[in-house]
PDB file of N, CA and C in Angstrom:
ATOM      1  N   MET A   1      -8.355  11.663 -11.368  1.00  0.00           N
ATOM      2  CA  MET A   1      -9.056  12.092 -12.536  1.00  0.00           C
ATOM      3  C   MET A   1      -9.874  11.362 -12.026  1.00  0.00           C
ATOM      4  N   GLU A   2     -11.545  11.563 -12.231  1.00  0.00           N
ATOM      5  CA  GLU A   2     -12.814  11.502 -12.579  1.00  0.00           C
ATOM      6  C   GLU A   2     -13.135  10.439 -13.784  1.00  0.00           C
ATOM      7  N   PHE A   3     -13.831   9.115 -13.674  1.00  0.00           N
ATOM      8  CA  PHE A   3     -13.753   8.431 -14.766  1.00  0.00           C
ATOM      9  C   PHE A   3     -14.412   9.337 -16.343  1.00  0.00           C
ATOM     10  N   ASN A   4     -15.580  10.042 -16.341  1.00  0.00           N
ATOM     11  CA  ASN A   4     -15.958  10.850 -17.250  1.00  0.00           C
ATOM     12  C   ASN A   4     -15.072  11.543 -17.389  1.00  0.00           C
ATOM     13  N   ASP A   5     -14.628  12.515 -16.584  1.00  0.00           N
ATOM     14  CA  ASP A   5     -13.831  13.657 -17.107  1.00  0.00           C
ATOM     15  C   ASP A   5     -12.711  12.902 -17.841  1.00  0.00           C
ATOM     16  N   TYR A   6     -11.968  11.284 -17.705  1.00  0.00           N
ATOM     17  CA  TYR A   6     -11.474  10.810 -18.267  1.00  0.00           C
ATOM     18  C   TYR A   6     -11.898  10.844 -19.929  1.00  0.00           C
ATOM     19  N   GLN A   7     -12.749  10.037 -20.009  1.00  0.00           N
ATOM     20  CA  GLN A   7     -13.325  10.148 -20.716  1.00  0.00           C
ATOM     21  C   GLN A   7     -13.349  11.064 -21.872  1.00  0.00           C
ATOM     22  N   HIS A   8     -13.937  12.221 -21.220  1.00  0.00           N
ATOM     23  CA  HIS A   8     -14.500  13.285 -22.376  1.00  0.00           C
ATOM     24  C   HIS A   8     -12.796  13.939 -22.820  1.00  0.00           C
ATOM     25  N   LYS A   9     -11.851  13.871 -21.769  1.00  0.00           N
ATOM     26  CA  LYS A   9     -10.535  14.207 -22.150  1.00  0.00           C
ATOM     27  C   LYS A   9      -9.817  13.400 -22.944  1.00  0.00           C
ATOM     28  N   VAL A  10     -10.091  12.335 -23.281  1.00  0.00           N
ATOM     29  CA  VAL A  10      -9.231  11.701 -23.936  1.00  0.00           C
ATOM     30  C   VAL A  10      -9.788  10.668 -25.319  1.00  0.00           C
ATOM     31  N   LEU A  11     -11.069  11.154 -25.439  1.00  0.00           N
ATOM     32  CA  LEU A  11     -11.816  11.021 -26.801  1.00  0.00           C
ATOM     33  C   LEU A  11     -11.705  11.841 -27.955  1.00  0.00           C
ATOM     34  N   GLN A  12     -10.884  13.130 -27.291  1.00  0.00           N
ATOM     35  CA  GLN A  12     -10.576  14.182 -28.328  1.00  0.00           C
ATOM     36  C   GLN A  12      -9.105  13.379 -29.184  1.00  0.00           C
ATOM     37  N   PHE A  13      -9.298  12.446 -28.912  1.00  0.00           N
ATOM     38  CA  PHE A  13      -7.765  12.716 -29.559  1.00  0.00           C
ATOM     39  C   PHE A  13      -8.115  10.751 -30.222  1.00  0.00           C
ATOM     40  N   ARG A  14      -9.557  10.840 -30.766  1.00  0.00           N
ATOM     41  CA  ARG A  14      -9.962   9.913 -31.065  1.00  0.00           C
ATOM     42  C   ARG A  14     -10.229  10.323 -32.757  1.00  0.00           C
ATOM     43  N   SER A  15      -9.442   9.693 -34.041  1.00  0.00           N
ATOM     44  CA  SER A  15      -9.577   9.464 -35.301  1.00  0.00           C
ATOM     45  C   SER A  15     -10.874   9.778 -36.000  1.00  0.00           C
ATOM     46  N   GLU A  16     -11.259  10.343 -36.905  1.00  0.00           N
ATOM     47  CA  GLU A  16     -12.707   9.780 -37.571  1.00  0.00           C
ATOM     48  C   GLU A  16     -12.773   8.699 -38.001  1.00  0.00           C
ATOM     49  N   THR A  17     -11.321   7.671 -38.461  1.00  0.00           N
ATOM     50  CA  THR A  17     -11.552   6.360 -38.845  1.00  0.00           C
ATOM     51  C   THR A  17     -11.591   5.423 -37.795  1.00  0.00           C
ATOM     52  N   ALA A  18     -11.705   5.819 -36.425  1.00  0.00           N
ATOM     53  CA  ALA A  18     -12.102   5.182 -35.498  1.00  0.00           C
ATOM     54  C   ALA A  18     -13.168   4.616 -34.946  1.00  0.00           C
ATOM     55  N   ASP A  19     -13.535   4.191 -36.225  1.00  0.00           N
ATOM     56  CA  ASP A  19     -15.103   3.763 -35.402  1.00  0.00           C
ATOM     57  C   ASP A  19     -15.508   2.714 -34.845  1.00  0.00           C
ATOM     58  N   ALA A  20     -17.282   2.637 -34.699  1.00  0.00           N
ATOM     59  CA  ALA A  20     -16.941   1.720 -33.401  1.00  0.00           C
ATOM     60  C   ALA A  20     -16.013   0.050 -33.533  1.00  0.00           C
ATOM     61  N   MET A  21     -16.893  -0.241 -34.683  1.00  0.00           N
ATOM     62  CA  MET A  21     -16.018  -1.843 -35.104  1.00  0.00           C
ATOM     63  C   MET A  21     -14.720  -1.690 -34.677  1.00  0.00           C
ATOM     64  N   TYR A  22     -14.109  -0.096 -34.733  1.00  0.00           N
ATOM     65  CA  TYR A  22     -12.312  -0.453 -34.820  1.00  0.00           C
ATOM     66  C   TYR A  22     -11.882  -0.319 -33.368  1.00  0.00           C
ATOM     67  N   ALA A  23     -12.791   0.299 -32.324  1.00  0.00           N
ATOM     68  CA  ALA A  23     -12.539   0.416 -30.831  1.00  0.00           C
ATOM     69  C   ALA A  23     -12.527  -1.097 -30.599  1.00  0.00           C
ATOM     70  N   VAL A  24     -13.569  -1.988 -30.711  1.00  0.00           N
ATOM     71  CA  VAL A  24     -13.927  -3.065 -30.690  1.00  0.00           C
ATOM     72  C   VAL A  24     -12.911  -4.190 -30.849  1.00  0.00           C
ATOM     73  N   ILE A  25     -12.540  -3.999 -31.881  1.00  0.00           N
ATOM     74  CA  ILE A  25     -11.124  -5.168 -32.550  1.00  0.00           C
ATOM     75  C   ILE A  25     -10.224  -4.563 -31.622  1.00  0.00           C
ATOM     76  N   GLY A  26      -9.777  -3.221 -31.802  1.00  0.00           N
ATOM     77  CA  GLY A  26      -8.551  -2.554 -30.918  1.00  0.00           C
ATOM     78  C   GLY A  26      -8.585  -2.901 -29.585  1.00  0.00           C
ATOM     79  N   LEU A  27      -9.782  -2.388 -28.907  1.00  0.00           N
ATOM     80  CA  LEU A  27     -10.339  -3.463 -27.313  1.00  0.00           C
ATOM     81  C   LEU A  27      -8.939  -5.014 -27.260  1.00  0.00           C
ATOM     82  N   SER A  28      -9.712  -5.706 -28.359  1.00  0.00           N
ATOM     83  CA  SER A  28      -9.171  -7.421 -28.221  1.00  0.00           C
ATOM     84  C   SER A  28      -7.513  -7.199 -28.718  1.00  0.00           C
ATOM     85  N   GLY A  29      -7.567  -6.311 -28.973  1.00  0.00           N
ATOM     86  CA  GLY A  29      -5.106  -6.100 -29.777  1.00  0.00           C
ATOM     87  C   GLY A  29      -4.797  -6.018 -28.276  1.00  0.00           C
ATOM     88  N   GLU A  30      -5.191  -4.953 -28.152  1.00  0.00           N
ATOM     89  CA  GLU A  30      -5.208  -3.785 -26.096  1.00  0.00           C
ATOM     90  C   GLU A  30      -4.877  -5.130 -24.767  1.00  0.00           C
ATOM     91  N   VAL A  31      -5.582  -5.718 -24.821  1.00  0.00           N
ATOM     92  CA  VAL A  31      -6.152  -6.565 -24.153  1.00  0.00           C
ATOM     93  C   VAL A  31      -4.795  -8.207 -24.386  1.00  0.00           C
ATOM     94  N   GLY A  32      -5.083  -8.318 -25.584  1.00  0.00           N
ATOM     95  CA  GLY A  32      -3.708  -9.361 -26.409  1.00  0.00           C
ATOM     96  C   GLY A  32      -2.337  -8.931 -26.155  1.00  0.00           C
ATOM     97  N   GLU A  33      -1.855  -7.674 -25.918  1.00  0.00           N
ATOM     98  CA  GLU A  33      -0.568  -6.785 -25.765  1.00  0.00           C
ATOM     99  C   GLU A  33      -0.336  -7.474 -24.139  1.00  0.00           C
ATOM    100  N   LEU A  34      -1.155  -6.842 -23.243  1.00  0.00           N
ATOM    101  CA  LEU A  34      -1.431  -7.192 -21.688  1.00  0.00           C
ATOM    102  C   LEU A  34      -1.352  -8.230 -21.301  1.00  0.00           C
ATOM    103  N   HIS A  35      -1.882  -9.546 -21.575  1.00  0.00           N
ATOM    104  CA  HIS A  35      -1.490 -11.033 -22.111  1.00  0.00           C
ATOM    105  C   HIS A  35      -0.027 -10.959 -22.219  1.00  0.00           C
ATOM    106  N   SER A  36      -0.006 -10.460 -23.645  1.00  0.00           N
ATOM    107  CA  SER A  36       1.643 -11.291 -23.572  1.00  0.00           C
ATOM    108  C   SER A  36       2.557 -10.632 -22.504  1.00  0.00           C
ATOM    109  N   LEU A  37       2.752  -9.620 -22.251  1.00  0.00           N
ATOM    110  CA  LEU A  37       3.596  -8.876 -21.649  1.00  0.00           C
ATOM    111  C   LEU A  37       3.455  -9.562 -19.953  1.00  0.00           C
ATOM    112  N   ILE A  38       2.451 -10.156 -19.491  1.00  0.00           N
ATOM    113  CA  ILE A  38       2.628 -10.772 -18.005  1.00  0.00           C
ATOM    114  C   ILE A  38       3.147 -12.296 -18.702  1.00  0.00           C
ATOM    115  N   ALA A  39       2.901 -13.252 -19.358  1.00  0.00           N
ATOM    116  CA  ALA A  39       3.037 -14.271 -19.873  1.00  0.00           C
ATOM    117  C   ALA A  39       4.685 -14.178 -20.389  1.00  0.00           C
ATOM    118  N   LYS A  40       5.217 -13.441 -20.754  1.00  0.00           N
ATOM    119  CA  LYS A  40       6.409 -12.810 -21.122  1.00  0.00           C
ATOM    120  C   LYS A  40       6.961 -12.668 -19.606  1.00  0.00           C
ATOM    121  N   GLY A  41       6.657 -12.139 -18.926  1.00  0.00           N
ATOM    122  CA  GLY A  41       7.304 -12.007 -17.502  1.00  0.00           C
ATOM    123  C   GLY A  41       6.725 -13.920 -16.172  1.00  0.00           C
ATOM    124  N   ILE A  42       5.957 -14.195 -16.464  1.00  0.00           N
ATOM    125  CA  ILE A  42       6.062 -15.588 -16.154  1.00  0.00           C
ATOM    126  C   ILE A  42       7.442 -16.319 -17.107  1.00  0.00           C
ATOM    127  N   ARG A  43       7.048 -16.068 -18.085  1.00  0.00           N
ATOM    128  CA  ARG A  43       7.937 -17.519 -19.191  1.00  0.00           C
ATOM    129  C   ARG A  43       9.364 -17.225 -18.729  1.00  0.00           C
ATOM    130  N   ASP A  44      10.045 -15.490 -18.816  1.00  0.00           N
ATOM    131  CA  ASP A  44      11.149 -15.301 -18.091  1.00  0.00           C
ATOM    132  C   ASP A  44      11.481 -14.676 -17.183  1.00  0.00           C
ATOM    133  N   GLY A  45      10.568 -14.358 -16.673  1.00  0.00           N
ATOM    134  CA  GLY A  45      10.827 -13.446 -15.197  1.00  0.00           C
ATOM    135  C   GLY A  45      10.945 -12.231 -15.208  1.00  0.00           C
ATOM    136  N   VAL A  46      10.830 -11.779 -14.422  1.00  0.00           N
ATOM    137  CA  VAL A  46      10.931 -10.262 -13.959  1.00  0.00           C
ATOM    138  C   VAL A  46      11.784  -9.668 -13.826  1.00  0.00           C
ATOM    139  N   LYS A  47      12.464  -8.756 -14.787  1.00  0.00           N
ATOM    140  CA  LYS A  47      14.020  -8.847 -14.282  1.00  0.00           C
ATOM    141  C   LYS A  47      14.162  -6.807 -13.333  1.00  0.00           C
ATOM    142  N   ASP A  48      13.135  -6.452 -14.120  1.00  0.00           N
ATOM    143  CA  ASP A  48      13.210  -5.478 -13.481  1.00  0.00           C
ATOM    144  C   ASP A  48      11.490  -4.855 -13.460  1.00  0.00           C
ATOM    145  N   GLU A  49      11.517  -5.025 -11.666  1.00  0.00           N
ATOM    146  CA  GLU A  49      10.122  -5.060 -11.215  1.00  0.00           C
ATOM    147  C   GLU A  49       9.152  -3.915 -11.732  1.00  0.00           C
ATOM    148  N   ALA A  50       9.651  -2.244 -11.420  1.00  0.00           N
ATOM    149  CA  ALA A  50       9.415  -1.314 -11.463  1.00  0.00           C
ATOM    150  C   ALA A  50       9.155  -0.842 -13.152  1.00  0.00           C
ATOM    151  N   GLU A  51      10.043  -1.153 -13.986  1.00  0.00           N
ATOM    152  CA  GLU A  51       9.981  -0.873 -15.492  1.00  0.00           C
ATOM    153  C   GLU A  51       8.536  -2.425 -16.187  1.00  0.00           C
ATOM    154  N   PHE A  52       8.421  -3.176 -15.286  1.00  0.00           N
ATOM    155  CA  PHE A  52       7.204  -4.380 -15.775  1.00  0.00           C
ATOM    156  C   PHE A  52       5.546  -3.226 -15.727  1.00  0.00           C
ATOM    157  N   GLU A  53       6.160  -2.987 -13.956  1.00  0.00           N
ATOM    158  CA  GLU A  53       4.471  -2.349 -13.466  1.00  0.00           C
ATOM    159  C   GLU A  53       3.978  -1.472 -14.054  1.00  0.00           C
ATOM    160  N   LYS A  54       5.610  -0.521 -14.623  1.00  0.00           N
ATOM    161  CA  LYS A  54       5.090   1.084 -15.185  1.00  0.00           C
ATOM    162  C   LYS A  54       4.331  -0.091 -16.924  1.00  0.00           C
ATOM    163  N   ASN A  55       5.306  -0.731 -17.467  1.00  0.00           N
ATOM    164  CA  ASN A  55       4.463  -1.659 -18.731  1.00  0.00           C
ATOM    165  C   ASN A  55       3.486  -1.882 -18.970  1.00  0.00           C
ATOM    166  N   VAL A  56       2.957  -2.250 -17.316  1.00  0.00           N
ATOM    167  CA  VAL A  56       1.197  -3.603 -17.332  1.00  0.00           C
ATOM    168  C   VAL A  56       0.168  -1.411 -17.410  1.00  0.00           C
ATOM    169  N   LYS A  57       0.611  -0.910 -16.778  1.00  0.00           N
ATOM    170  CA  LYS A  57       0.493   0.336 -16.587  1.00  0.00           C
ATOM    171  C   LYS A  57      -0.454   0.691 -17.852  1.00  0.00           C
ATOM    172  N   LYS A  58       1.198   0.942 -18.580  1.00  0.00           N
ATOM    173  CA  LYS A  58       0.546   1.784 -19.849  1.00  0.00           C
ATOM    174  C   LYS A  58      -0.481   0.638 -20.776  1.00  0.00           C
ATOM    175  N   GLU A  59      -0.215  -0.246 -20.765  1.00  0.00           N
ATOM    176  CA  GLU A  59      -1.403  -0.911 -21.108  1.00  0.00           C
ATOM    177  C   GLU A  59      -2.499  -1.218 -21.113  1.00  0.00           C
ATOM    178  N   LEU A  60      -2.510  -1.043 -19.668  1.00  0.00           N
ATOM    179  CA  LEU A  60      -4.458  -1.169 -18.724  1.00  0.00           C
ATOM    180  C   LEU A  60      -4.587   0.256 -19.417  1.00  0.00           C
ATOM    181  N   GLY A  61      -3.744   1.178 -19.210  1.00  0.00           N
ATOM    182  CA  GLY A  61      -4.149   2.658 -19.922  1.00  0.00           C
ATOM    183  C   GLY A  61      -4.857   2.819 -21.205  1.00  0.00           C
ATOM    184  N   ASP A  62      -4.005   1.721 -22.103  1.00  0.00           N
ATOM    185  CA  ASP A  62      -4.511   1.493 -23.512  1.00  0.00           C
ATOM    186  C   ASP A  62      -6.149   0.703 -23.482  1.00  0.00           C
ATOM    187  N   VAL A  63      -6.145  -0.201 -22.352  1.00  0.00           N
ATOM    188  CA  VAL A  63      -7.485  -0.599 -22.610  1.00  0.00           C
ATOM    189  C   VAL A  63      -8.590  -0.088 -21.649  1.00  0.00           C
ATOM    190  N   LEU A  64      -8.278   1.346 -21.250  1.00  0.00           N
ATOM    191  CA  LEU A  64      -8.873   1.748 -20.672  1.00  0.00           C
ATOM    192  C   LEU A  64      -9.477   2.660 -21.784  1.00  0.00           C
ATOM    193  N   TRP A  65      -8.697   3.235 -22.824  1.00  0.00           N
ATOM    194  CA  TRP A  65      -9.159   4.439 -23.884  1.00  0.00           C
ATOM    195  C   TRP A  65     -10.070   4.303 -24.702  1.00  0.00           C
ATOM    196  N   PHE A  66     -10.052   2.328 -24.920  1.00  0.00           N
ATOM    197  CA  PHE A  66     -10.843   1.335 -25.863  1.00  0.00           C
ATOM    198  C   PHE A  66     -12.347   1.312 -25.056  1.00  0.00           C
ATOM    199  N   ILE A  67     -12.086   1.120 -24.170  1.00  0.00           N
ATOM    200  CA  ILE A  67     -13.367   0.922 -23.044  1.00  0.00           C
ATOM    201  C   ILE A  67     -14.298   2.010 -23.320  1.00  0.00           C
ATOM    202  N   ALA A  68     -13.188   3.601 -22.680  1.00  0.00           N
ATOM    203  CA  ALA A  68     -14.311   4.515 -22.916  1.00  0.00           C
ATOM    204  C   ALA A  68     -14.202   4.896 -24.371  1.00  0.00           C
ATOM    205  N   ALA A  69     -14.163   4.429 -25.426  1.00  0.00           N
ATOM    206  CA  ALA A  69     -14.426   4.803 -26.760  1.00  0.00           C
ATOM    207  C   ALA A  69     -16.036   3.874 -27.032  1.00  0.00           C
ATOM    208  N   ILE A  70     -15.359   2.309 -26.620  1.00  0.00           N
ATOM    209  CA  ILE A  70     -16.932   1.538 -26.636  1.00  0.00           C
ATOM    210  C   ILE A  70     -18.035   2.218 -25.912  1.00  0.00           C
ATOM    211  N   ALA A  71     -17.553   2.570 -24.605  1.00  0.00           N
ATOM    212  CA  ALA A  71     -19.018   2.981 -23.800  1.00  0.00           C
ATOM    213  C   ALA A  71     -19.522   4.598 -24.535  1.00  0.00           C
ATOM    214  N   ASP A  72     -18.506   5.261 -25.414  1.00  0.00           N
ATOM    215  CA  ASP A  72     -19.505   6.621 -26.222  1.00  0.00           C
ATOM    216  C   ASP A  72     -19.883   6.236 -26.943  1.00  0.00           C
ATOM    217  N   ASP A  73     -19.524   5.334 -27.850  1.00  0.00           N
ATOM    218  CA  ASP A  73     -20.480   4.430 -28.934  1.00  0.00           C
ATOM    219  C   ASP A  73     -21.706   4.102 -28.116  1.00  0.00           C
ATOM    220  N   PHE A  74     -21.574   4.056 -27.071  1.00  0.00           N
ATOM    221  CA  PHE A  74     -23.322   3.218 -26.575  1.00  0.00           C
ATOM    222  C   PHE A  74     -24.172   4.280 -26.207  1.00  0.00           C
ATOM    223  N   GLU A  75     -22.687   5.581 -25.954  1.00  0.00           N
ATOM    224  CA  GLU A  75     -23.808   6.842 -25.454  1.00  0.00           C
ATOM    225  C   GLU A  75     -23.823   6.296 -23.951  1.00  0.00           C
ATOM    226  N   THR A  76     -22.769   5.969 -23.368  1.00  0.00           N
ATOM    227  CA  THR A  76     -23.001   5.771 -21.844  1.00  0.00           C
ATOM    228  C   THR A  76     -21.452   6.348 -21.906  1.00  0.00           C
ATOM    229  N   SER A  77     -21.629   6.132 -20.011  1.00  0.00           N
ATOM    230  CA  SER A  77     -20.375   7.175 -19.377  1.00  0.00           C
ATOM    231  C   SER A  77     -19.508   6.529 -19.020  1.00  0.00           C
ATOM    232  N   LEU A  78     -18.381   6.075 -18.061  1.00  0.00           N
ATOM    233  CA  LEU A  78     -17.768   5.207 -17.827  1.00  0.00           C
ATOM    234  C   LEU A  78     -17.960   4.957 -16.339  1.00  0.00           C
ATOM    235  N   ASP A  79     -18.580   6.181 -16.125  1.00  0.00           N
ATOM    236  CA  ASP A  79     -19.219   6.666 -14.126  1.00  0.00           C
ATOM    237  C   ASP A  79     -20.139   5.561 -14.320  1.00  0.00           C
ATOM    238  N   GLU A  80     -21.051   5.193 -15.194  1.00  0.00           N
ATOM    239  CA  GLU A  80     -22.212   4.613 -15.616  1.00  0.00           C
ATOM    240  C   GLU A  80     -21.964   3.730 -15.816  1.00  0.00           C
ATOM    241  N   ILE A  81     -21.317   2.724 -16.195  1.00  0.00           N
ATOM    242  CA  ILE A  81     -20.536   1.502 -16.061  1.00  0.00           C
ATOM    243  C   ILE A  81     -19.682   1.131 -14.537  1.00  0.00           C
ATOM    244  N   ALA A  82     -18.950   2.050 -14.412  1.00  0.00           N
ATOM    245  CA  ALA A  82     -18.624   1.708 -13.078  1.00  0.00           C
ATOM    246  C   ALA A  82     -19.273   1.655 -11.844  1.00  0.00           C
ATOM    247  N   GLU A  83     -20.277   1.853 -11.733  1.00  0.00           N
ATOM    248  CA  GLU A  83     -21.453   2.335 -10.721  1.00  0.00           C
ATOM    249  C   GLU A  83     -21.970   0.869 -11.198  1.00  0.00           C
ATOM    250  N   MET A  84     -22.411   0.966 -12.074  1.00  0.00           N
ATOM    251  CA  MET A  84     -23.464  -0.342 -11.910  1.00  0.00           C
ATOM    252  C   MET A  84     -22.840  -1.582 -12.161  1.00  0.00           C
ATOM    253  N   ASN A  85     -22.180  -2.030 -12.352  1.00  0.00           N
ATOM    254  CA  ASN A  85     -20.693  -2.411 -12.152  1.00  0.00           C
ATOM    255  C   ASN A  85     -20.691  -3.205 -10.439  1.00  0.00           C
ATOM    256  N   TYR A  86     -20.480  -2.131  -9.710  1.00  0.00           N
ATOM    257  CA  TYR A  86     -20.223  -2.019  -8.491  1.00  0.00           C
ATOM    258  C   TYR A  86     -21.245  -2.343  -7.745  1.00  0.00           C
ATOM    259  N   TYR A  87     -22.438  -2.166  -8.479  1.00  0.00           N
ATOM    260  CA  TYR A  87     -23.692  -2.648  -7.714  1.00  0.00           C
ATOM    261  C   TYR A  87     -23.945  -3.829  -7.940  1.00  0.00           C
ATOM    262  N   LYS A  88     -23.706  -4.453  -9.274  1.00  0.00           N
ATOM    263  CA  LYS A  88     -23.598  -5.812  -9.469  1.00  0.00           C
ATOM    264  C   LYS A  88     -23.131  -6.836  -8.667  1.00  0.00           C
ATOM    265  N   LEU A  89     -21.071  -6.220  -8.690  1.00  0.00           N
ATOM    266  CA  LEU A  89     -20.922  -7.063  -7.808  1.00  0.00           C
ATOM    267  C   LEU A  89     -21.341  -7.181  -6.046  1.00  0.00           C
ATOM    268  N   LYS A  90     -21.586  -5.903  -5.160  1.00  0.00           N
ATOM    269  CA  LYS A  90     -22.323  -6.114  -4.534  1.00  0.00           C
ATOM    270  C   LYS A  90     -23.382  -7.200  -4.217  1.00  0.00           C
ATOM    271  N   ASP A  91     -23.807  -7.020  -4.821  1.00  0.00           N
ATOM    272  CA  ASP A  91     -25.106  -7.921  -4.675  1.00  0.00           C
ATOM    273  C   ASP A  91     -24.963  -9.503  -4.930  1.00  0.00           C
ATOM    274  N   ARG A  92     -23.861  -9.186  -5.619  1.00  0.00           N
ATOM    275  CA  ARG A  92     -23.765 -11.151  -5.973  1.00  0.00           C
ATOM    276  C   ARG A  92     -22.873 -11.213  -4.762  1.00  0.00           C
ATOM    277  N   PHE A  93     -21.511 -10.155  -4.496  1.00  0.00           N
ATOM    278  CA  PHE A  93     -21.265 -10.790  -2.843  1.00  0.00           C
ATOM    279  C   PHE A  93     -22.088 -11.430  -1.311  1.00  0.00           C
ATOM    280  N   GLU A  94     -23.517 -10.093  -1.556  1.00  0.00           N
ATOM    281  CA  GLU A  94     -24.547  -9.848  -0.378  1.00  0.00           C
ATOM    282  C   GLU A  94     -25.333 -11.118  -0.888  1.00  0.00           C
ATOM    283  N   ARG A  95     -25.569 -12.106  -1.562  1.00  0.00           N
ATOM    284  CA  ARG A  95     -26.216 -13.589  -2.088  1.00  0.00           C
ATOM    285  C   ARG A  95     -25.401 -14.715  -2.386  1.00  0.00           C
ATOM    286  N   GLY A  96     -24.093 -13.711  -1.739  1.00  0.00           N
ATOM    287  CA  GLY A  96     -23.069 -15.278  -1.466  1.00  0.00           C
ATOM    288  C   GLY A  96     -23.542 -16.240  -3.359  1.00  0.00           C
ATOM    289  N   THR A  97     -23.439 -15.311  -4.547  1.00  0.00           N
ATOM    290  CA  THR A  97     -22.913 -16.022  -5.665  1.00  0.00           C
ATOM    291  C   THR A  97     -22.086 -15.015  -6.515  1.00  0.00           C
ATOM    292  N   ILE A  98     -20.681 -14.744  -6.020  1.00  0.00           N
ATOM    293  CA  ILE A  98     -19.696 -13.811  -6.516  1.00  0.00           C
ATOM    294  C   ILE A  98     -18.910 -14.845  -7.411  1.00  0.00           C
ATOM    295  N   LYS A  99     -18.889 -15.969  -6.509  1.00  0.00           N
ATOM    296  CA  LYS A  99     -18.004 -17.316  -7.494  1.00  0.00           C
ATOM    297  C   LYS A  99     -19.315 -17.832  -8.370  1.00  0.00           C
ATOM    298  N   GLY A 100     -19.208 -18.263  -9.754  1.00  0.00           N
ATOM    299  CA  GLY A 100     -20.066 -18.907 -10.523  1.00  0.00           C
ATOM    300  C   GLY A 100     -20.044 -18.651 -12.007  1.00  0.00           C
ATOM    301  N   GLU A 101     -21.159 -19.218 -12.475  1.00  0.00           N
ATOM    302  CA  GLU A 101     -21.021 -19.027 -13.724  1.00  0.00           C
ATOM    303  C   GLU A 101     -22.296 -18.114 -14.357  1.00  0.00           C
ATOM    304  N   GLY A 102     -21.980 -17.316 -15.060  1.00  0.00           N
ATOM    305  CA  GLY A 102     -23.970 -16.960 -16.078  1.00  0.00           C
ATOM    306  C   GLY A 102     -23.761 -15.416 -15.114  1.00  0.00           C
ATOM    307  N   ASN A 103     -24.154 -14.650 -16.258  1.00  0.00           N
ATOM    308  CA  ASN A 103     -24.346 -13.324 -16.063  1.00  0.00           C
ATOM    309  C   ASN A 103     -25.573 -13.300 -15.073  1.00  0.00           C
ATOM    310  N   ASP A 104     -26.433 -13.492 -15.096  1.00  0.00           N
ATOM    311  CA  ASP A 104     -27.736 -13.254 -13.801  1.00  0.00           C
ATOM    312  C   ASP A 104     -27.841 -14.083 -12.209  1.00  0.00           C
ATOM    313  N   ARG A 105     -26.543 -14.719 -12.463  1.00  0.00           N
ATOM    314  CA  ARG A 105     -26.699 -15.320 -10.513  1.00  0.00           C
ATOM    315  C   ARG A 105     -26.253 -14.427  -9.676  1.00  0.00           C
TER     316      ARG A 105
END
């Protein structure tokens, strides 16, 4: 599935009360759930690798939904964001600045 197709399809499930602030707060919540899942895997060990990977994918899907919603709030597409990010990373790699700090390195 293409990013823009995904964005269009999943945002039909966005409720009227899921405004821009909800999307930003919800994203941090879902990232927190992903962190907790991985932290528990580190602490307790992963007993069922397939189940663990399935749960990671589910959390990543939730993160992606919120990113799609935030992108929509800023009237942009996931395709545009992905393309911009690719070229930013490519440029940094080519200039040897992939490591380091700052947005404009």
